[in-house]
Amino acid sequence: MGTFFHSIRLIAASGAAETLDALVDTGAMFTTIPAPILERLGVRPFDTVPVRFANGQTEQWAIGQVEAELNGQRRPILCLFGSPDAPPIIGAHTLEAFLLAVDPVEQRLAPKEAFLM
C-alpha cells in the first residue's frame, strides 16, 4: 500500500505552534509526537495508557491533548508522548477526528463523511 508523510500543525494554549512532517499510519491508534516537542509546547499528560508494539511488547506511555491543524481544519486531538528520536506519526484517532480518509494511490488525506449507522 505504501506510506507517506503529511504536515500537521500543533498549537499550544499559549498560541505557540510547531509544524511537523508526520508519517500517516492507519495501523497506529493515536498520533505520536516526540515528547520534547509536546513539552516545549506546554502539553501535559493526563494519563498513561498501555501501548502494544508490532513485536508484541507492551509499554505504558503518557497521553495528552493538544490542538492540531490538518488541511486547514483545527481540532483537539489525543497524542502519545513518543521517544525523542522517533518520527511523528498521525494515527487513526486523529484521522477520524478530522474526518479524513487515506488515499494511498495519490498519497494524500481526503475528506470523508461522518457515519452514524
Protein backbone atom coordinates (compact mmCIF):
# COMPACT_ATOMS: atom_id res chain seq x y z
CA MET A 1 0.00 0.00 0.00
CA GLY A 2 2.85 2.40 0.67
CA THR A 3 3.41 5.10 3.21
CA PHE A 4 3.57 8.86 3.02
CA PHE A 5 4.11 11.92 5.15
CA HIS A 6 1.70 14.79 5.76
CA SER A 7 2.19 18.01 7.68
CA ILE A 8 0.44 18.54 10.99
CA ARG A 9 0.50 21.77 12.96
CA LEU A 10 0.35 21.58 16.75
CA ILE A 11 -0.89 24.66 18.59
CA ALA A 12 -0.20 25.31 22.28
CA ALA A 13 -2.63 27.06 24.62
CA SER A 14 -0.17 29.97 24.61
CA GLY A 15 -0.52 30.29 20.83
CA ALA A 16 2.94 28.89 20.11
CA ALA A 17 2.84 26.42 17.23
CA GLU A 18 5.03 23.89 15.52
CA THR A 19 4.52 22.27 12.10
CA LEU A 20 5.86 18.75 11.60
CA ASP A 21 6.01 16.28 8.74
CA ALA A 22 4.45 13.13 10.16
CA LEU A 23 4.11 9.60 8.87
CA VAL A 24 0.47 8.72 8.17
CA ASP A 25 -0.12 5.35 9.88
CA THR A 26 -3.64 3.91 9.95
CA GLY A 27 -2.29 0.99 11.98
CA ALA A 28 -1.43 3.33 14.85
CA MET A 29 -4.38 4.14 17.09
CA PHE A 30 -3.10 7.52 18.30
CA THR A 31 -0.93 10.27 16.91
CA THR A 32 2.54 10.07 18.44
CA ILE A 33 4.73 13.14 18.81
CA PRO A 34 8.25 13.17 20.28
CA ALA A 35 7.88 14.11 23.96
CA PRO A 36 10.32 17.06 23.80
CA ILE A 37 8.14 18.77 21.18
CA LEU A 38 4.97 18.35 23.26
CA GLU A 39 6.78 19.52 26.40
CA ARG A 40 8.13 22.59 24.55
CA LEU A 41 4.54 23.43 23.58
CA GLY A 42 3.41 23.05 27.20
CA VAL A 43 1.32 19.92 26.64
CA ARG A 44 0.90 17.94 29.85
CA PRO A 45 -0.02 14.26 30.00
CA PHE A 46 -3.35 13.49 31.66
CA ASP A 47 -2.88 9.71 31.84
CA THR A 48 -0.74 6.76 30.82
CA VAL A 49 -2.02 4.04 28.53
CA PRO A 50 -0.74 0.61 27.54
CA VAL A 51 0.79 0.64 24.05
CA ARG A 52 1.37 -2.65 22.20
CA PHE A 53 4.04 -2.78 19.52
CA ALA A 54 4.22 -4.99 16.42
CA ASN A 55 6.67 -7.31 18.22
CA GLY A 56 4.08 -7.95 20.96
CA GLN A 57 5.87 -5.87 23.60
CA THR A 58 3.69 -3.57 25.73
CA GLU A 59 4.76 -0.36 27.49
CA GLN A 60 2.97 2.38 29.42
CA TRP A 61 3.13 5.71 27.55
CA ALA A 62 1.94 9.16 28.55
CA ILE A 63 -1.03 10.59 26.63
CA GLY A 64 -2.15 14.21 26.38
CA GLN A 65 -4.38 16.53 24.42
CA VAL A 66 -3.26 19.25 22.02
CA GLU A 67 -4.87 21.44 19.36
CA ALA A 68 -3.90 20.35 15.87
CA GLU A 69 -4.43 21.64 12.37
CA LEU A 70 -4.72 19.43 9.29
CA ASN A 71 -5.80 20.59 5.82
CA GLY A 72 -6.93 23.96 7.18
CA GLN A 73 -9.13 22.49 9.93
CA ARG A 74 -8.36 22.83 13.64
CA ARG A 75 -9.41 20.30 16.28
CA PRO A 76 -8.27 18.92 19.63
CA ILE A 77 -6.54 15.54 19.40
CA LEU A 78 -5.16 12.95 21.77
CA CYS A 79 -1.50 12.16 21.30
CA LEU A 80 1.09 9.90 22.81
CA PHE A 81 4.36 11.28 24.16
CA GLY A 82 6.82 9.43 21.93
CA SER A 83 10.54 8.81 22.06
CA PRO A 84 12.69 11.87 21.34
CA ASP A 85 14.26 10.23 18.29
CA ALA A 86 11.09 8.70 16.81
CA PRO A 87 9.32 10.27 13.84
CA PRO A 88 5.95 11.96 14.42
CA ILE A 89 3.03 9.71 13.44
CA ILE A 90 -0.54 10.67 12.51
CA GLY A 91 -2.73 7.85 13.80
CA ALA A 92 -6.27 6.66 13.15
CA HIS A 93 -7.87 8.58 16.05
CA THR A 94 -6.69 11.89 14.57
CA LEU A 95 -7.78 10.92 11.06
CA GLU A 96 -11.25 10.08 12.39
CA ALA A 97 -11.44 13.32 14.40
CA PHE A 98 -10.71 15.31 11.24
CA LEU A 99 -12.99 13.14 9.05
CA LEU A 100 -10.09 12.25 6.77
CA ALA A 101 -9.53 9.10 4.74
CA VAL A 102 -6.21 7.91 3.41
CA ASP A 103 -5.77 7.87 -0.37
CA PRO A 104 -2.63 5.71 -0.74
CA VAL A 105 -2.51 6.00 -4.53
CA GLU A 106 -2.41 9.80 -4.55
CA GLN A 107 -0.62 9.84 -1.17
CA ARG A 108 -2.99 12.36 0.37
CA LEU A 109 -5.65 12.76 3.03
CA ALA A 110 -9.14 13.09 1.58
CA PRO A 111 -12.31 14.39 3.28
CA LYS A 112 -14.97 11.85 4.20
CA GLU A 113 -18.40 11.84 5.84
CA ALA A 114 -19.14 11.00 9.44
CA PHE A 115 -21.20 7.84 9.92
CA LEU A 116 -24.00 7.04 12.38
CA MET A 117 -25.22 3.61 11.40
